[in-house]
């Protein structure tokens, strides 16, 4: 991707990465062969002007987000709420030079 300026007053979250099924399939779980695949997604050199919340990142229990990396992601104006991040593979997750700091859990996101 090339440098891109995007502005929108309508969004309160900067980042929303979530494995979800259609809302008509409540509490859907998956088995290894029918889980959505998420692997090798990298965010780098991003400057956010402002947001209410830094972002929401969530995989599934038993289907963690793999290879998720953040590098040099900053907010000009600190968001009121930080990151919410859960069900991410800690062995393949990386967050370097991210402010506010981003940490993820292999279980449910901590509020």
C-alpha atoms as a PDB file:
ATOM      1  CA  UNK A   1       0.000   0.000   0.000  1.00  0.00           C
ATOM      2  CA  UNK A   2       1.092   3.547  -0.647  1.00  0.00           C
ATOM      3  CA  UNK A   3       0.742   6.506   1.711  1.00  0.00           C
ATOM      4  CA  UNK A   4      -2.907   7.431   1.965  1.00  0.00           C
ATOM      5  CA  UNK A   5      -4.743  10.157   3.804  1.00  0.00           C
ATOM      6  CA  UNK A   6      -8.144   9.112   5.089  1.00  0.00           C
ATOM      7  CA  UNK A   7     -10.413  11.246   7.197  1.00  0.00           C
ATOM      8  CA  UNK A   8     -13.765  10.386   8.644  1.00  0.00           C
ATOM      9  CA  UNK A   9     -15.631  11.927  11.542  1.00  0.00           C
ATOM     10  CA  UNK A  10     -18.034   8.978  11.596  1.00  0.00           C
ATOM     11  CA  UNK A  11     -15.665   6.389  13.102  1.00  0.00           C
ATOM     12  CA  UNK A  12     -14.899   6.206  16.796  1.00  0.00           C
ATOM     13  CA  UNK A  13     -12.468   3.260  16.537  1.00  0.00           C
ATOM     14  CA  UNK A  14      -9.334   3.472  14.483  1.00  0.00           C
ATOM     15  CA  UNK A  15      -8.925  -0.259  14.018  1.00  0.00           C
ATOM     16  CA  UNK A  16     -11.455  -3.062  14.134  1.00  0.00           C
ATOM     17  CA  UNK A  17     -10.112  -6.519  13.343  1.00  0.00           C
ATOM     18  CA  UNK A  18     -12.555  -9.210  14.358  1.00  0.00           C
ATOM     19  CA  UNK A  19     -13.368 -12.736  13.277  1.00  0.00           C
ATOM     20  CA  UNK A  20     -17.139 -12.795  13.326  1.00  0.00           C
ATOM     21  CA  UNK A  21     -19.861 -14.844  11.782  1.00  0.00           C
ATOM     22  CA  UNK A  22     -23.131 -13.456  10.520  1.00  0.00           C
ATOM     23  CA  UNK A  23     -25.260 -12.066  13.414  1.00  0.00           C
ATOM     24  CA  UNK A  24     -27.936 -14.696  12.740  1.00  0.00           C
ATOM     25  CA  UNK A  25     -25.466 -17.400  13.806  1.00  0.00           C
ATOM     26  CA  UNK A  26     -25.080 -16.615  17.530  1.00  0.00           C
ATOM     27  CA  UNK A  27     -22.171 -18.038  19.526  1.00  0.00           C
ATOM     28  CA  UNK A  28     -20.783 -19.837  16.491  1.00  0.00           C
ATOM     29  CA  UNK A  29     -17.702 -21.926  17.132  1.00  0.00           C
ATOM     30  CA  UNK A  30     -15.557 -23.567  14.506  1.00  0.00           C
ATOM     31  CA  UNK A  31     -13.476 -26.664  14.104  1.00  0.00           C
ATOM     32  CA  UNK A  32     -10.022 -26.592  12.560  1.00  0.00           C
ATOM     33  CA  UNK A  33     -11.270 -27.314   9.031  1.00  0.00           C
ATOM     34  CA  UNK A  34     -13.967 -24.587   8.899  1.00  0.00           C
ATOM     35  CA  UNK A  35     -12.380 -21.726  10.846  1.00  0.00           C
ATOM     36  CA  UNK A  36     -11.726 -18.397   9.133  1.00  0.00           C
ATOM     37  CA  UNK A  37      -8.022 -17.943   8.392  1.00  0.00           C
ATOM     38  CA  UNK A  38      -6.099 -14.860   9.538  1.00  0.00           C
ATOM     39  CA  UNK A  39      -2.343 -14.863   9.096  1.00  0.00           C
ATOM     40  CA  UNK A  40       0.433 -12.418   8.290  1.00  0.00           C
ATOM     41  CA  UNK A  41      -1.211  -8.986   8.499  1.00  0.00           C
ATOM     42  CA  UNK A  42       1.157  -6.060   9.111  1.00  0.00           C
ATOM     43  CA  UNK A  43       0.417  -2.404   9.962  1.00  0.00           C
ATOM     44  CA  UNK A  44       3.323   0.052   9.753  1.00  0.00           C
ATOM     45  CA  UNK A  45       3.984   3.808   9.777  1.00  0.00           C
ATOM     46  CA  UNK A  46       0.439   4.889  10.641  1.00  0.00           C
ATOM     47  CA  UNK A  47      -0.399   8.234  12.274  1.00  0.00           C
ATOM     48  CA  UNK A  48      -3.973   8.699  13.529  1.00  0.00           C
ATOM     49  CA  UNK A  49      -5.237  12.209  14.187  1.00  0.00           C
ATOM     50  CA  UNK A  50      -7.824  11.246  16.841  1.00  0.00           C
ATOM     51  CA  UNK A  51     -10.216   8.496  17.901  1.00  0.00           C
ATOM     52  CA  UNK A  52     -12.423   7.633  20.878  1.00  0.00           C
ATOM     53  CA  UNK A  53     -10.829   4.165  21.165  1.00  0.00           C
ATOM     54  CA  UNK A  54      -7.501   2.957  19.803  1.00  0.00           C
ATOM     55  CA  UNK A  55      -9.019  -0.233  18.393  1.00  0.00           C
ATOM     56  CA  UNK A  56     -10.667  -3.627  18.842  1.00  0.00           C
ATOM     57  CA  UNK A  57      -8.871  -6.804  17.809  1.00  0.00           C
ATOM     58  CA  UNK A  58     -10.437 -10.224  18.406  1.00  0.00           C
ATOM     59  CA  UNK A  59     -10.038 -13.706  17.022  1.00  0.00           C
ATOM     60  CA  UNK A  60     -11.988 -16.760  18.226  1.00  0.00           C
ATOM     61  CA  UNK A  61     -11.343 -19.166  21.066  1.00  0.00           C
ATOM     62  CA  UNK A  62      -9.549 -22.030  19.341  1.00  0.00           C
ATOM     63  CA  UNK A  63      -8.853 -19.876  16.249  1.00  0.00           C
ATOM     64  CA  UNK A  64      -6.342 -17.214  17.240  1.00  0.00           C
ATOM     65  CA  UNK A  65      -5.227 -14.403  14.946  1.00  0.00           C
ATOM     66  CA  UNK A  66      -1.768 -15.341  13.653  1.00  0.00           C
ATOM     67  CA  UNK A  67       1.080 -13.173  12.419  1.00  0.00           C
ATOM     68  CA  UNK A  68      -0.443  -9.857  13.464  1.00  0.00           C
ATOM     69  CA  UNK A  69       2.185  -7.109  13.654  1.00  0.00           C
ATOM     70  CA  UNK A  70       2.119  -3.370  14.346  1.00  0.00           C
ATOM     71  CA  UNK A  71       5.115  -1.081  13.896  1.00  0.00           C
ATOM     72  CA  UNK A  72       5.281   2.687  14.365  1.00  0.00           C
ATOM     73  CA  UNK A  73       1.557   3.305  14.959  1.00  0.00           C
ATOM     74  CA  UNK A  74       0.822   6.543  16.819  1.00  0.00           C
ATOM     75  CA  UNK A  75      -2.019   8.899  17.689  1.00  0.00           C
ATOM     76  CA  UNK A  76      -1.571  12.675  17.507  1.00  0.00           C
ATOM     77  CA  UNK A  77      -4.300  13.012  20.137  1.00  0.00           C
ATOM     78  CA  UNK A  78      -4.369  10.189  22.691  1.00  0.00           C
ATOM     79  CA  UNK A  79      -7.675   8.241  22.512  1.00  0.00           C
ATOM     80  CA  UNK A  80      -9.953   8.176  25.573  1.00  0.00           C
ATOM     81  CA  UNK A  81      -9.911   4.369  25.514  1.00  0.00           C
ATOM     82  CA  UNK A  82      -6.937   2.160  24.657  1.00  0.00           C
ATOM     83  CA  UNK A  83      -6.782  -1.092  22.751  1.00  0.00           C
ATOM     84  CA  UNK A  84      -8.961  -4.147  23.340  1.00  0.00           C
ATOM     85  CA  UNK A  85      -7.157  -7.204  22.027  1.00  0.00           C
ATOM     86  CA  UNK A  86      -7.894 -10.897  22.578  1.00  0.00           C
ATOM     87  CA  UNK A  87      -7.599 -14.323  21.022  1.00  0.00           C
ATOM     88  CA  UNK A  88      -4.289 -13.471  19.338  1.00  0.00           C
ATOM     89  CA  UNK A  89      -1.366 -15.898  19.035  1.00  0.00           C
ATOM     90  CA  UNK A  90       1.292 -14.396  21.339  1.00  0.00           C
ATOM     91  CA  UNK A  91       4.077 -16.334  19.547  1.00  0.00           C
ATOM     92  CA  UNK A  92       3.421 -14.510  16.243  1.00  0.00           C
ATOM     93  CA  UNK A  93       2.195 -11.132  17.563  1.00  0.00           C
ATOM     94  CA  UNK A  94       4.386  -8.036  17.606  1.00  0.00           C
ATOM     95  CA  UNK A  95       3.769  -4.391  18.557  1.00  0.00           C
ATOM     96  CA  UNK A  96       6.806  -2.109  18.282  1.00  0.00           C
ATOM     97  CA  UNK A  97       6.660   1.684  18.682  1.00  0.00           C
ATOM     98  CA  UNK A  98       2.879   1.683  19.223  1.00  0.00           C
ATOM     99  CA  UNK A  99       1.417   4.484  21.325  1.00  0.00           C
ATOM    100  CA  UNK A 100      -0.753   3.975  23.291  1.00  0.00           C
ATOM    101  CA  UNK A 101       0.941   0.624  23.923  1.00  0.00           C
ATOM    102  CA  UNK A 102      -0.774  -2.443  22.486  1.00  0.00           C
ATOM    103  CA  UNK A 103      -0.709  -5.838  24.160  1.00  0.00           C
ATOM    104  CA  UNK A 104      -2.848  -8.815  23.256  1.00  0.00           C
ATOM    105  CA  UNK A 105      -4.019 -11.912  25.101  1.00  0.00           C
ATOM    106  CA  UNK A 106      -4.443 -15.447  23.828  1.00  0.00           C
ATOM    107  CA  UNK A 107      -7.778 -15.490  25.685  1.00  0.00           C
ATOM    108  CA  UNK A 108     -10.596 -12.931  25.886  1.00  0.00           C
ATOM    109  CA  UNK A 109      -9.695  -9.271  25.560  1.00  0.00           C
ATOM    110  CA  UNK A 110      -9.249  -7.463  28.841  1.00  0.00           C
ATOM    111  CA  UNK A 111     -11.409  -4.331  29.152  1.00  0.00           C
END
